[in-house]
Amino acid sequence: MKRRSPYKRVKIRTITSAEVSRDNEERWRLIAVDGRSIFRVWIVGVITEKYSGTNNYVGVKIEDGSGAILAKSWDGYLESFSQWDKVEILGQIQISEQDETVDVFITPDIIENIEDDNWFIYHKLKIIQQSQHPDREISVKSAVVEGIDLGVASLEDLKIKLKKLVKQLDQGNGVTMDEIVDKLPKIDESQIYDAITELLESGEFFEPQVGIYSIAFE
């Protein structure tokens, strides 16, 4: 089964500075400055503008200090979010062309409000880690539940716990993010996403569907 590309933590500038091109099959591709294709992204920022239109269209402009990009939905998913909300978005890059103008935007798979500004710092640290120090571990520590025992000492410990949990819960159709979060109430969802992303990158997890996880090998 083909493994989906994991979400990559990026600054918005990484998206807006990337080159839009077509591959050999005339499909749109977004190529970053370092030559990598950008498919699924993980950003944090502030909603500075909100738009609405026909057919349940809602668009929000997200800024993170490095740039700005639109997130769009046609299913009402963004309706509950407001201008100046601080948000975290995991979504897919979309590229469209109209009247010779190419539009790059994000369709969110997951969007959540950020209640603690420390997550902006954590996000930046993770970007630095994955780009400059891929082997350096950032310890798991929740700013939201400061002082409470998370049950794990590091990101590596959390990955081990997730593999055991998914193996235990999977009845053949995979395990949803909600099921995982329910079983790990002391750990912040952002940290769980980090660990799952690394497990996807290593090939130890795969997604039969978006947001559903299974073990690929042990």
N, C-alpha and C. Protein backbone atom coordinates (compact mmCIF):
# COMPACT_ATOMS: atom_id res chain seq x y z
N MET A 1 0.84 -1.19 0.00
CA MET A 1 0.00 0.00 0.00
C MET A 1 0.88 1.25 0.00
N LYS A 2 0.52 2.20 -0.82
CA LYS A 2 1.32 3.42 -0.93
C LYS A 2 1.17 4.26 0.33
N ARG A 3 2.30 4.67 0.89
CA ARG A 3 2.29 5.47 2.11
C ARG A 3 2.16 6.95 1.76
N ARG A 4 1.25 7.63 2.43
CA ARG A 4 1.07 9.06 2.20
C ARG A 4 2.27 9.83 2.74
N SER A 5 2.57 10.97 2.10
CA SER A 5 3.64 11.80 2.62
C SER A 5 3.17 12.44 3.92
N PRO A 6 4.04 12.51 4.95
CA PRO A 6 3.64 13.09 6.23
C PRO A 6 3.58 14.61 6.13
N TYR A 7 2.91 15.21 7.11
CA TYR A 7 2.89 16.67 7.19
C TYR A 7 4.28 17.16 7.57
N LYS A 8 4.72 18.21 6.91
CA LYS A 8 6.02 18.82 7.21
C LYS A 8 5.81 20.17 7.88
N ARG A 9 6.45 20.33 9.03
CA ARG A 9 6.42 21.65 9.67
C ARG A 9 7.23 22.63 8.81
N VAL A 10 6.62 23.75 8.46
CA VAL A 10 7.30 24.74 7.64
C VAL A 10 6.90 26.15 8.07
N LYS A 11 7.76 27.10 7.74
CA LYS A 11 7.36 28.50 7.78
C LYS A 11 6.56 28.78 6.51
N ILE A 12 5.65 29.72 6.59
CA ILE A 12 4.85 30.06 5.41
C ILE A 12 5.75 30.53 4.26
N ARG A 13 6.84 31.18 4.59
CA ARG A 13 7.77 31.64 3.55
C ARG A 13 8.28 30.49 2.69
N THR A 14 8.43 29.31 3.30
CA THR A 14 8.88 28.14 2.54
C THR A 14 7.90 27.81 1.42
N ILE A 15 6.60 28.02 1.68
CA ILE A 15 5.58 27.75 0.67
C ILE A 15 5.55 28.86 -0.38
N THR A 16 5.53 30.12 0.08
CA THR A 16 5.37 31.24 -0.85
C THR A 16 6.60 31.48 -1.72
N SER A 17 7.77 31.02 -1.26
CA SER A 17 8.99 31.20 -2.05
C SER A 17 9.27 30.01 -2.97
N ALA A 18 8.44 28.98 -2.88
CA ALA A 18 8.64 27.78 -3.69
C ALA A 18 8.24 28.02 -5.14
N GLU A 19 8.76 27.19 -6.02
CA GLU A 19 8.50 27.31 -7.45
C GLU A 19 7.35 26.39 -7.86
N VAL A 20 6.40 26.95 -8.60
CA VAL A 20 5.29 26.17 -9.13
C VAL A 20 5.67 25.65 -10.51
N SER A 21 5.52 24.35 -10.71
CA SER A 21 5.87 23.76 -12.01
C SER A 21 4.95 22.58 -12.30
N ARG A 22 5.09 22.01 -13.50
CA ARG A 22 4.33 20.83 -13.87
C ARG A 22 5.30 19.66 -14.08
N ASP A 23 4.85 18.46 -13.70
CA ASP A 23 5.70 17.29 -13.90
C ASP A 23 5.47 16.71 -15.29
N ASN A 24 6.03 15.54 -15.54
CA ASN A 24 5.92 14.93 -16.87
C ASN A 24 4.50 14.56 -17.25
N GLU A 25 3.64 14.43 -16.24
CA GLU A 25 2.24 14.10 -16.49
C GLU A 25 1.35 15.34 -16.42
N GLU A 26 1.97 16.52 -16.49
CA GLU A 26 1.27 17.81 -16.49
C GLU A 26 0.50 18.06 -15.19
N ARG A 27 0.95 17.46 -14.09
CA ARG A 27 0.36 17.74 -12.79
C ARG A 27 1.15 18.85 -12.11
N TRP A 28 0.43 19.71 -11.40
CA TRP A 28 1.09 20.80 -10.70
C TRP A 28 1.96 20.26 -9.57
N ARG A 29 3.10 20.89 -9.38
CA ARG A 29 3.99 20.56 -8.28
C ARG A 29 4.53 21.86 -7.67
N LEU A 30 4.76 21.84 -6.36
CA LEU A 30 5.38 22.97 -5.68
C LEU A 30 6.74 22.51 -5.19
N ILE A 31 7.79 23.16 -5.69
CA ILE A 31 9.17 22.74 -5.40
C ILE A 31 9.84 23.78 -4.53
N ALA A 32 10.28 23.37 -3.34
CA ALA A 32 10.95 24.29 -2.42
C ALA A 32 12.34 24.66 -2.93
N VAL A 33 12.93 25.66 -2.29
CA VAL A 33 14.25 26.14 -2.69
C VAL A 33 15.29 25.03 -2.62
N ASP A 34 15.13 24.10 -1.67
CA ASP A 34 16.10 23.00 -1.53
C ASP A 34 15.84 21.85 -2.49
N GLY A 35 14.84 22.00 -3.37
CA GLY A 35 14.56 20.98 -4.38
C GLY A 35 13.53 19.95 -4.00
N ARG A 36 13.03 19.99 -2.76
CA ARG A 36 12.04 19.01 -2.33
C ARG A 36 10.64 19.43 -2.74
N SER A 37 9.80 18.46 -3.06
CA SER A 37 8.40 18.74 -3.36
C SER A 37 7.64 18.97 -2.06
N ILE A 38 6.70 19.89 -2.10
CA ILE A 38 5.88 20.20 -0.93
C ILE A 38 4.46 19.71 -1.20
N PHE A 39 3.98 18.80 -0.37
CA PHE A 39 2.64 18.24 -0.55
C PHE A 39 1.72 18.55 0.62
N ARG A 40 2.14 18.12 1.81
CA ARG A 40 1.32 18.27 3.00
C ARG A 40 2.12 19.05 4.04
N VAL A 41 1.52 20.11 4.57
CA VAL A 41 2.27 21.04 5.42
C VAL A 41 1.61 21.20 6.79
N TRP A 42 2.44 21.68 7.71
CA TRP A 42 2.03 21.92 9.10
C TRP A 42 2.50 23.34 9.42
N ILE A 43 1.57 24.26 9.60
CA ILE A 43 1.93 25.65 9.87
C ILE A 43 1.21 26.14 11.12
N VAL A 44 1.76 27.19 11.71
CA VAL A 44 1.08 27.90 12.79
C VAL A 44 1.09 29.38 12.43
N GLY A 45 0.09 30.10 12.90
CA GLY A 45 0.03 31.52 12.58
C GLY A 45 -1.23 32.16 13.12
N VAL A 46 -1.46 33.38 12.67
CA VAL A 46 -2.62 34.17 13.10
C VAL A 46 -3.52 34.44 11.91
N ILE A 47 -4.81 34.27 12.09
CA ILE A 47 -5.78 34.61 11.04
C ILE A 47 -5.92 36.12 11.00
N THR A 48 -5.48 36.74 9.92
CA THR A 48 -5.54 38.20 9.81
C THR A 48 -6.72 38.67 8.96
N GLU A 49 -7.26 37.79 8.14
CA GLU A 49 -8.44 38.14 7.33
C GLU A 49 -9.29 36.89 7.14
N LYS A 50 -10.59 37.10 6.96
CA LYS A 50 -11.51 35.99 6.73
C LYS A 50 -12.47 36.37 5.61
N TYR A 51 -12.73 35.42 4.73
CA TYR A 51 -13.60 35.65 3.57
C TYR A 51 -14.66 34.56 3.51
N SER A 52 -15.78 34.88 2.89
CA SER A 52 -16.82 33.87 2.67
C SER A 52 -17.46 34.11 1.31
N GLY A 53 -18.05 33.05 0.76
CA GLY A 53 -18.67 33.16 -0.55
C GLY A 53 -19.73 32.11 -0.74
N THR A 54 -20.06 31.82 -1.98
CA THR A 54 -21.11 30.86 -2.28
C THR A 54 -20.61 29.43 -2.09
N ASN A 55 -21.55 28.51 -2.07
CA ASN A 55 -21.23 27.07 -1.97
C ASN A 55 -20.41 26.74 -0.72
N ASN A 56 -20.74 27.42 0.39
CA ASN A 56 -20.08 27.17 1.68
C ASN A 56 -18.60 27.51 1.69
N TYR A 57 -18.17 28.37 0.75
CA TYR A 57 -16.75 28.74 0.71
C TYR A 57 -16.38 29.64 1.89
N VAL A 58 -15.28 29.28 2.57
CA VAL A 58 -14.69 30.13 3.59
C VAL A 58 -13.18 30.11 3.38
N GLY A 59 -12.58 31.28 3.38
CA GLY A 59 -11.13 31.39 3.27
C GLY A 59 -10.58 32.21 4.41
N VAL A 60 -9.41 31.83 4.90
CA VAL A 60 -8.76 32.61 5.95
C VAL A 60 -7.31 32.87 5.52
N LYS A 61 -6.86 34.07 5.77
CA LYS A 61 -5.47 34.44 5.51
C LYS A 61 -4.66 34.21 6.77
N ILE A 62 -3.61 33.40 6.67
CA ILE A 62 -2.77 33.06 7.81
C ILE A 62 -1.42 33.75 7.67
N GLU A 63 -0.96 34.40 8.73
CA GLU A 63 0.37 35.01 8.74
C GLU A 63 1.17 34.49 9.93
N ASP A 64 2.48 34.29 9.69
CA ASP A 64 3.33 33.78 10.77
C ASP A 64 4.59 34.61 10.99
N GLY A 65 4.64 35.79 10.39
CA GLY A 65 5.83 36.62 10.51
C GLY A 65 6.82 36.44 9.38
N SER A 66 6.71 35.32 8.67
CA SER A 66 7.59 35.08 7.52
C SER A 66 6.87 35.28 6.20
N GLY A 67 5.54 35.24 6.25
CA GLY A 67 4.74 35.37 5.04
C GLY A 67 3.28 35.15 5.34
N ALA A 68 2.48 35.08 4.29
CA ALA A 68 1.04 34.89 4.43
C ALA A 68 0.54 33.94 3.35
N ILE A 69 -0.48 33.16 3.68
CA ILE A 69 -1.07 32.23 2.72
C ILE A 69 -2.54 32.04 3.06
N LEU A 70 -3.33 31.67 2.06
CA LEU A 70 -4.74 31.41 2.28
C LEU A 70 -4.98 29.93 2.55
N ALA A 71 -5.88 29.67 3.50
CA ALA A 71 -6.44 28.33 3.69
C ALA A 71 -7.90 28.42 3.26
N LYS A 72 -8.35 27.44 2.47
CA LYS A 72 -9.70 27.50 1.91
C LYS A 72 -10.45 26.20 2.17
N SER A 73 -11.76 26.34 2.39
CA SER A 73 -12.61 25.16 2.50
C SER A 73 -13.96 25.45 1.87
N TRP A 74 -14.61 24.38 1.43
CA TRP A 74 -15.93 24.50 0.81
C TRP A 74 -16.94 23.63 1.55
N ASP A 75 -16.62 23.27 2.80
CA ASP A 75 -17.50 22.40 3.56
C ASP A 75 -17.87 23.00 4.92
N GLY A 76 -17.60 24.29 5.10
CA GLY A 76 -17.92 24.95 6.35
C GLY A 76 -16.93 24.71 7.47
N TYR A 77 -15.83 23.99 7.16
CA TYR A 77 -14.87 23.61 8.20
C TYR A 77 -14.24 24.82 8.88
N LEU A 78 -14.05 25.91 8.15
CA LEU A 78 -13.37 27.09 8.70
C LEU A 78 -14.34 28.12 9.28
N GLU A 79 -15.62 27.83 9.22
CA GLU A 79 -16.62 28.82 9.61
C GLU A 79 -16.49 29.26 11.06
N SER A 80 -16.10 28.37 11.95
CA SER A 80 -16.07 28.68 13.38
C SER A 80 -14.85 29.49 13.80
N PHE A 81 -13.91 29.70 12.87
CA PHE A 81 -12.70 30.45 13.21
C PHE A 81 -12.86 31.92 12.85
N SER A 82 -12.19 32.77 13.63
CA SER A 82 -12.38 34.22 13.50
C SER A 82 -11.06 34.94 13.27
N GLN A 83 -11.19 36.19 12.81
CA GLN A 83 -10.00 37.03 12.65
C GLN A 83 -9.29 37.18 13.99
N TRP A 84 -7.97 37.09 13.95
CA TRP A 84 -7.04 37.20 15.07
C TRP A 84 -6.94 35.92 15.89
N ASP A 85 -7.63 34.87 15.48
CA ASP A 85 -7.41 33.58 16.13
C ASP A 85 -5.99 33.09 15.83
N LYS A 86 -5.35 32.52 16.84
CA LYS A 86 -4.06 31.85 16.65
C LYS A 86 -4.34 30.38 16.37
N VAL A 87 -3.83 29.88 15.26
CA VAL A 87 -4.22 28.54 14.83
C VAL A 87 -3.02 27.70 14.39
N GLU A 88 -3.25 26.40 14.41
CA GLU A 88 -2.31 25.41 13.90
C GLU A 88 -3.05 24.65 12.80
N ILE A 89 -2.44 24.55 11.61
CA ILE A 89 -3.10 23.92 10.47
C ILE A 89 -2.23 22.80 9.92
N LEU A 90 -2.83 21.65 9.75
CA LEU A 90 -2.23 20.54 9.01
C LEU A 90 -3.07 20.35 7.77
N GLY A 91 -2.46 20.54 6.61
CA GLY A 91 -3.27 20.50 5.40
C GLY A 91 -2.48 20.18 4.16
N GLN A 92 -3.18 20.18 3.04
CA GLN A 92 -2.60 19.81 1.76
C GLN A 92 -2.45 21.03 0.85
N ILE A 93 -1.33 21.08 0.18
CA ILE A 93 -1.09 22.15 -0.79
C ILE A 93 -1.98 21.93 -2.01
N GLN A 94 -2.64 22.99 -2.44
CA GLN A 94 -3.47 22.95 -3.64
C GLN A 94 -2.99 24.04 -4.60
N ILE A 95 -3.02 23.75 -5.88
CA ILE A 95 -2.59 24.71 -6.90
C ILE A 95 -3.66 24.78 -7.97
N SER A 96 -4.11 25.97 -8.29
CA SER A 96 -5.11 26.15 -9.33
C SER A 96 -4.68 27.28 -10.26
N GLU A 97 -5.20 27.26 -11.47
CA GLU A 97 -4.86 28.27 -12.47
C GLU A 97 -6.14 28.85 -13.05
N GLN A 98 -6.22 30.18 -13.08
CA GLN A 98 -7.37 30.84 -13.66
C GLN A 98 -6.90 32.14 -14.30
N ASP A 99 -7.26 32.30 -15.58
CA ASP A 99 -6.86 33.50 -16.34
C ASP A 99 -5.35 33.72 -16.27
N GLU A 100 -4.60 32.62 -16.44
CA GLU A 100 -3.14 32.63 -16.46
C GLU A 100 -2.51 33.03 -15.13
N THR A 101 -3.32 33.04 -14.07
CA THR A 101 -2.81 33.32 -12.72
C THR A 101 -2.82 32.04 -11.91
N VAL A 102 -1.69 31.70 -11.33
CA VAL A 102 -1.57 30.49 -10.53
C VAL A 102 -1.77 30.82 -9.06
N ASP A 103 -2.66 30.08 -8.42
CA ASP A 103 -3.00 30.31 -7.01
C ASP A 103 -2.55 29.11 -6.18
N VAL A 104 -1.75 29.37 -5.15
CA VAL A 104 -1.30 28.33 -4.23
C VAL A 104 -1.97 28.56 -2.89
N PHE A 105 -2.66 27.54 -2.36
CA PHE A 105 -3.34 27.67 -1.08
C PHE A 105 -3.34 26.32 -0.36
N ILE A 106 -3.90 26.32 0.83
CA ILE A 106 -3.95 25.11 1.66
C ILE A 106 -5.40 24.71 1.88
N THR A 107 -5.70 23.43 1.75
CA THR A 107 -6.98 22.91 2.23
C THR A 107 -6.70 22.16 3.53
N PRO A 108 -7.25 22.62 4.64
CA PRO A 108 -6.91 22.04 5.94
C PRO A 108 -7.56 20.68 6.18
N ASP A 109 -6.75 19.73 6.63
CA ASP A 109 -7.28 18.46 7.13
C ASP A 109 -7.62 18.60 8.62
N ILE A 110 -6.78 19.39 9.31
CA ILE A 110 -6.96 19.63 10.74
C ILE A 110 -6.63 21.09 11.01
N ILE A 111 -7.47 21.78 11.75
CA ILE A 111 -7.15 23.14 12.20
C ILE A 111 -7.63 23.28 13.64
N GLU A 112 -6.76 23.80 14.48
CA GLU A 112 -7.08 23.94 15.90
C GLU A 112 -6.59 25.29 16.40
N ASN A 113 -7.30 25.82 17.39
CA ASN A 113 -6.85 27.04 18.03
C ASN A 113 -5.64 26.77 18.91
N ILE A 114 -4.74 27.73 18.97
CA ILE A 114 -3.57 27.67 19.85
C ILE A 114 -3.86 28.53 21.07
N GLU A 115 -3.80 27.92 22.24
CA GLU A 115 -4.09 28.65 23.47
C GLU A 115 -2.83 29.08 24.21
N ASP A 116 -1.70 28.53 23.83
CA ASP A 116 -0.44 28.82 24.52
C ASP A 116 0.59 29.27 23.50
N ASP A 117 1.11 30.48 23.64
CA ASP A 117 2.06 31.02 22.67
C ASP A 117 3.36 30.24 22.62
N ASN A 118 3.63 29.41 23.62
CA ASN A 118 4.84 28.59 23.59
C ASN A 118 4.85 27.63 22.42
N TRP A 119 3.67 27.32 21.87
CA TRP A 119 3.63 26.40 20.73
C TRP A 119 4.23 27.03 19.48
N PHE A 120 4.23 28.36 19.38
CA PHE A 120 4.90 29.02 18.27
C PHE A 120 6.41 28.78 18.37
N ILE A 121 6.93 28.85 19.58
CA ILE A 121 8.35 28.60 19.80
C ILE A 121 8.67 27.13 19.51
N TYR A 122 7.83 26.25 20.01
CA TYR A 122 8.04 24.82 19.79
C TYR A 122 8.05 24.48 18.30
N HIS A 123 7.13 25.09 17.57
CA HIS A 123 7.04 24.87 16.13
C HIS A 123 8.34 25.30 15.43
N LYS A 124 8.85 26.46 15.80
CA LYS A 124 10.10 26.95 15.21
C LYS A 124 11.26 26.02 15.54
N LEU A 125 11.31 25.54 16.77
CA LEU A 125 12.38 24.62 17.16
C LEU A 125 12.32 23.33 16.35
N LYS A 126 11.13 22.83 16.11
CA LYS A 126 10.99 21.60 15.34
C LYS A 126 11.41 21.80 13.89
N ILE A 127 11.14 22.98 13.34
CA ILE A 127 11.59 23.28 11.97
C ILE A 127 13.11 23.28 11.91
N ILE A 128 13.74 23.91 12.90
CA ILE A 128 15.20 23.94 12.95
C ILE A 128 15.75 22.53 13.08
N GLN A 129 15.13 21.73 13.92
CA GLN A 129 15.59 20.36 14.12
C GLN A 129 15.54 19.56 12.83
N GLN A 130 14.41 19.61 12.11
CA GLN A 130 14.25 18.77 10.93
C GLN A 130 15.09 19.27 9.76
N SER A 131 15.48 20.55 9.77
CA SER A 131 16.25 21.08 8.64
C SER A 131 17.76 21.08 8.89
N GLN A 132 18.17 21.25 10.15
CA GLN A 132 19.60 21.39 10.44
C GLN A 132 20.16 20.26 11.30
N HIS A 133 19.33 19.75 12.21
CA HIS A 133 19.81 18.74 13.15
C HIS A 133 18.82 17.59 13.22
N PRO A 134 18.67 16.82 12.15
CA PRO A 134 17.65 15.75 12.14
C PRO A 134 17.85 14.69 13.20
N ASP A 135 19.07 14.55 13.73
CA ASP A 135 19.33 13.52 14.72
C ASP A 135 19.24 14.03 16.16
N ARG A 136 19.01 15.33 16.31
CA ARG A 136 18.94 15.90 17.65
C ARG A 136 17.51 15.85 18.15
N GLU A 137 17.34 15.28 19.32
CA GLU A 137 16.00 15.09 19.86
C GLU A 137 15.57 16.29 20.70
N ILE A 138 14.32 16.72 20.50
CA ILE A 138 13.73 17.73 21.36
C ILE A 138 12.81 17.02 22.34
N SER A 139 13.05 17.16 23.63
CA SER A 139 12.28 16.43 24.63
C SER A 139 10.82 16.84 24.60
N VAL A 140 9.96 15.87 24.89
CA VAL A 140 8.53 16.14 24.98
C VAL A 140 8.23 16.85 26.28
N LYS A 141 7.62 18.01 26.19
CA LYS A 141 7.25 18.77 27.38
C LYS A 141 6.09 19.67 27.02
N SER A 142 4.97 19.58 27.73
CA SER A 142 3.79 20.35 27.39
C SER A 142 3.72 21.64 28.18
N ALA A 143 3.66 22.76 27.47
CA ALA A 143 3.49 24.04 28.14
C ALA A 143 2.06 24.22 28.63
N VAL A 144 1.13 23.46 28.07
CA VAL A 144 -0.28 23.58 28.44
C VAL A 144 -0.56 22.92 29.78
N VAL A 145 0.12 21.80 30.05
CA VAL A 145 -0.11 21.07 31.30
C VAL A 145 1.18 21.04 32.12
N GLU A 146 1.81 22.18 32.24
CA GLU A 146 3.06 22.30 32.96
C GLU A 146 2.96 21.71 34.36
N GLY A 147 3.94 20.88 34.70
CA GLY A 147 3.97 20.32 36.03
C GLY A 147 3.27 18.99 36.18
N ILE A 148 2.56 18.54 35.14
CA ILE A 148 1.86 17.26 35.20
C ILE A 148 2.69 16.20 34.52
N ASP A 149 2.78 15.04 35.11
CA ASP A 149 3.54 13.93 34.55
C ASP A 149 2.90 13.48 33.25
N LEU A 150 3.61 13.60 32.13
CA LEU A 150 3.06 13.25 30.83
C LEU A 150 3.09 11.75 30.59
N GLY A 151 3.83 11.01 31.37
CA GLY A 151 3.89 9.58 31.18
C GLY A 151 4.97 9.15 30.20
N VAL A 152 5.65 10.11 29.57
CA VAL A 152 6.76 9.81 28.68
C VAL A 152 7.87 10.82 28.95
N ALA A 153 9.11 10.41 28.71
CA ALA A 153 10.25 11.28 29.01
C ALA A 153 10.78 11.99 27.77
N SER A 154 10.47 11.48 26.58
CA SER A 154 11.02 12.08 25.37
C SER A 154 10.17 11.70 24.18
N LEU A 155 10.48 12.29 23.05
CA LEU A 155 9.76 11.98 21.82
C LEU A 155 9.95 10.52 21.45
N GLU A 156 11.14 9.97 21.69
CA GLU A 156 11.39 8.56 21.38
C GLU A 156 10.53 7.66 22.24
N ASP A 157 10.36 8.02 23.51
CA ASP A 157 9.50 7.24 24.39
C ASP A 157 8.05 7.28 23.90
N LEU A 158 7.63 8.45 23.45
CA LEU A 158 6.26 8.59 22.95
C LEU A 158 6.05 7.74 21.70
N LYS A 159 7.05 7.70 20.82
CA LYS A 159 6.93 6.88 19.61
C LYS A 159 6.79 5.40 19.96
N ILE A 160 7.54 4.95 20.94
CA ILE A 160 7.43 3.56 21.39
C ILE A 160 6.04 3.29 21.94
N LYS A 161 5.54 4.23 22.75
CA LYS A 161 4.21 4.07 23.33
C LYS A 161 3.14 4.06 22.24
N LEU A 162 3.29 4.89 21.22
CA LEU A 162 2.31 4.95 20.13
C LEU A 162 2.28 3.65 19.33
N LYS A 163 3.45 3.08 19.09
CA LYS A 163 3.49 1.82 18.33
C LYS A 163 2.77 0.71 19.10
N LYS A 164 2.99 0.65 20.40
CA LYS A 164 2.32 -0.36 21.21
C LYS A 164 0.82 -0.12 21.24
N LEU A 165 0.43 1.15 21.34
CA LEU A 165 -0.98 1.49 21.42
C LEU A 165 -1.72 1.17 20.13
N VAL A 166 -1.13 1.56 19.00
CA VAL A 166 -1.79 1.32 17.71
C VAL A 166 -1.90 -0.18 17.44
N LYS A 167 -0.85 -0.92 17.80
CA LYS A 167 -0.90 -2.37 17.63
C LYS A 167 -2.03 -2.97 18.45
N GLN A 168 -2.22 -2.44 19.63
CA GLN A 168 -3.26 -2.95 20.53
C GLN A 168 -4.67 -2.60 20.03
N LEU A 169 -4.84 -1.39 19.49
CA LEU A 169 -6.17 -0.91 19.11
C LEU A 169 -6.60 -1.31 17.71
N ASP A 170 -5.64 -1.54 16.83
CA ASP A 170 -5.96 -1.78 15.42
C ASP A 170 -6.64 -3.14 15.23
N GLN A 171 -7.87 -3.10 14.73
CA GLN A 171 -8.63 -4.31 14.45
C GLN A 171 -8.65 -4.65 12.97
N GLY A 172 -7.75 -4.01 12.21
CA GLY A 172 -7.67 -4.28 10.77
C GLY A 172 -8.01 -3.10 9.90
N ASN A 173 -8.60 -2.05 10.48
CA ASN A 173 -8.98 -0.87 9.70
C ASN A 173 -8.19 0.38 10.09
N GLY A 174 -7.18 0.21 10.95
CA GLY A 174 -6.41 1.35 11.40
C GLY A 174 -7.01 1.98 12.65
N VAL A 175 -6.32 2.99 13.17
CA VAL A 175 -6.73 3.66 14.40
C VAL A 175 -6.80 5.16 14.14
N THR A 176 -7.88 5.79 14.57
CA THR A 176 -8.06 7.22 14.33
C THR A 176 -7.27 8.04 15.34
N MET A 177 -7.04 9.31 14.99
CA MET A 177 -6.36 10.22 15.90
C MET A 177 -7.15 10.39 17.18
N ASP A 178 -8.47 10.46 17.09
CA ASP A 178 -9.30 10.62 18.29
C ASP A 178 -9.12 9.45 19.24
N GLU A 179 -9.03 8.24 18.71
CA GLU A 179 -8.84 7.06 19.55
C GLU A 179 -7.50 7.13 20.27
N ILE A 180 -6.47 7.58 19.56
CA ILE A 180 -5.14 7.69 20.16
C ILE A 180 -5.14 8.74 21.26
N VAL A 181 -5.71 9.91 20.98
CA VAL A 181 -5.75 11.01 21.95
C VAL A 181 -6.52 10.59 23.20
N ASP A 182 -7.63 9.87 23.02
CA ASP A 182 -8.42 9.43 24.16
C ASP A 182 -7.62 8.52 25.10
N LYS A 183 -6.70 7.74 24.52
CA LYS A 183 -5.91 6.82 25.33
C LYS A 183 -4.69 7.49 25.96
N LEU A 184 -4.36 8.71 25.51
CA LEU A 184 -3.19 9.42 26.04
C LEU A 184 -3.61 10.81 26.52
N PRO A 185 -4.47 10.87 27.53
CA PRO A 185 -5.05 12.16 27.95
C PRO A 185 -4.06 13.15 28.54
N LYS A 186 -2.90 12.67 29.01
CA LYS A 186 -1.93 13.58 29.63
C LYS A 186 -0.96 14.20 28.64
N ILE A 187 -1.04 13.78 27.38
CA ILE A 187 -0.09 14.26 26.37
C ILE A 187 -0.80 15.18 25.39
N ASP A 188 -0.21 16.34 25.14
CA ASP A 188 -0.82 17.30 24.23
C ASP A 188 -0.86 16.75 22.81
N GLU A 189 -1.93 17.07 22.07
CA GLU A 189 -2.11 16.55 20.72
C GLU A 189 -0.96 16.95 19.80
N SER A 190 -0.42 18.14 19.97
CA SER A 190 0.68 18.59 19.10
C SER A 190 1.89 17.67 19.22
N GLN A 191 2.15 17.18 20.43
CA GLN A 191 3.27 16.27 20.64
C GLN A 191 2.98 14.90 20.01
N ILE A 192 1.71 14.48 20.10
CA ILE A 192 1.33 13.22 19.46
C ILE A 192 1.50 13.33 17.95
N TYR A 193 1.09 14.45 17.37
CA TYR A 193 1.27 14.67 15.93
C TYR A 193 2.74 14.60 15.54
N ASP A 194 3.59 15.21 16.37
CA ASP A 194 5.03 15.18 16.09
C ASP A 194 5.54 13.74 16.01
N ALA A 195 5.17 12.95 17.00
CA ALA A 195 5.64 11.57 17.05
C ALA A 195 5.08 10.76 15.88
N ILE A 196 3.80 10.95 15.56
CA ILE A 196 3.20 10.23 14.44
C ILE A 196 3.85 10.63 13.12
N THR A 197 4.14 11.92 12.95
CA THR A 197 4.81 12.38 11.74
C THR A 197 6.15 11.69 11.56
N GLU A 198 6.92 11.57 12.64
CA GLU A 198 8.23 10.90 12.54
C GLU A 198 8.05 9.41 12.24
N LEU A 199 7.02 8.79 12.77
CA LEU A 199 6.76 7.38 12.50
C LEU A 199 6.32 7.19 11.04
N LEU A 200 5.61 8.15 10.48
CA LEU A 200 5.25 8.10 9.06
C LEU A 200 6.49 8.27 8.19
N GLU A 201 7.35 9.21 8.58
CA GLU A 201 8.57 9.47 7.80
C GLU A 201 9.50 8.26 7.78
N SER A 202 9.55 7.55 8.90
CA SER A 202 10.43 6.39 8.98
C SER A 202 9.83 5.15 8.34
N GLY A 203 8.54 5.22 8.01
CA GLY A 203 7.87 4.08 7.40
C GLY A 203 7.30 3.10 8.40
N GLU A 204 7.40 3.41 9.69
CA GLU A 204 6.88 2.50 10.71
C GLU A 204 5.36 2.58 10.82
N PHE A 205 4.79 3.75 10.49
CA PHE A 205 3.35 3.93 10.37
C PHE A 205 3.01 4.21 8.91
N PHE A 206 1.78 3.91 8.51
CA PHE A 206 1.25 4.40 7.24
C PHE A 206 -0.20 4.79 7.46
N GLU A 207 -0.74 5.57 6.52
CA GLU A 207 -2.12 6.03 6.60
C GLU A 207 -2.96 5.39 5.51
N PRO A 208 -3.80 4.41 5.83
CA PRO A 208 -4.72 3.89 4.82
C PRO A 208 -5.72 4.94 4.38
N GLN A 209 -6.04 5.88 5.28
CA GLN A 209 -6.85 7.05 4.98
C GLN A 209 -6.28 8.21 5.80
N VAL A 210 -6.60 9.45 5.39
CA VAL A 210 -6.10 10.61 6.12
C VAL A 210 -6.58 10.54 7.57
N GLY A 211 -5.64 10.63 8.50
CA GLY A 211 -5.97 10.65 9.91
C GLY A 211 -6.23 9.30 10.52
N ILE A 212 -5.96 8.21 9.79
CA ILE A 212 -6.10 6.85 10.31
C ILE A 212 -4.76 6.17 10.17
N TYR A 213 -4.28 5.54 11.24
CA TYR A 213 -2.90 5.06 11.27
C TYR A 213 -2.84 3.56 11.54
N SER A 214 -1.88 2.92 10.87
CA SER A 214 -1.60 1.51 11.07
C SER A 214 -0.09 1.30 11.11
N ILE A 215 0.34 0.20 11.73
CA ILE A 215 1.75 -0.13 11.78
C ILE A 215 2.15 -0.79 10.47
N ALA A 216 3.24 -0.29 9.88
CA ALA A 216 3.72 -0.86 8.62
C ALA A 216 4.64 -2.05 8.87
N PHE A 217 5.49 -1.95 9.87
CA PHE A 217 6.37 -3.06 10.23
C PHE A 217 6.82 -2.86 11.67
N GLU A 218 7.45 -3.86 12.21
CA GLU A 218 7.97 -3.77 13.60
C GLU A 218 9.44 -4.08 13.58
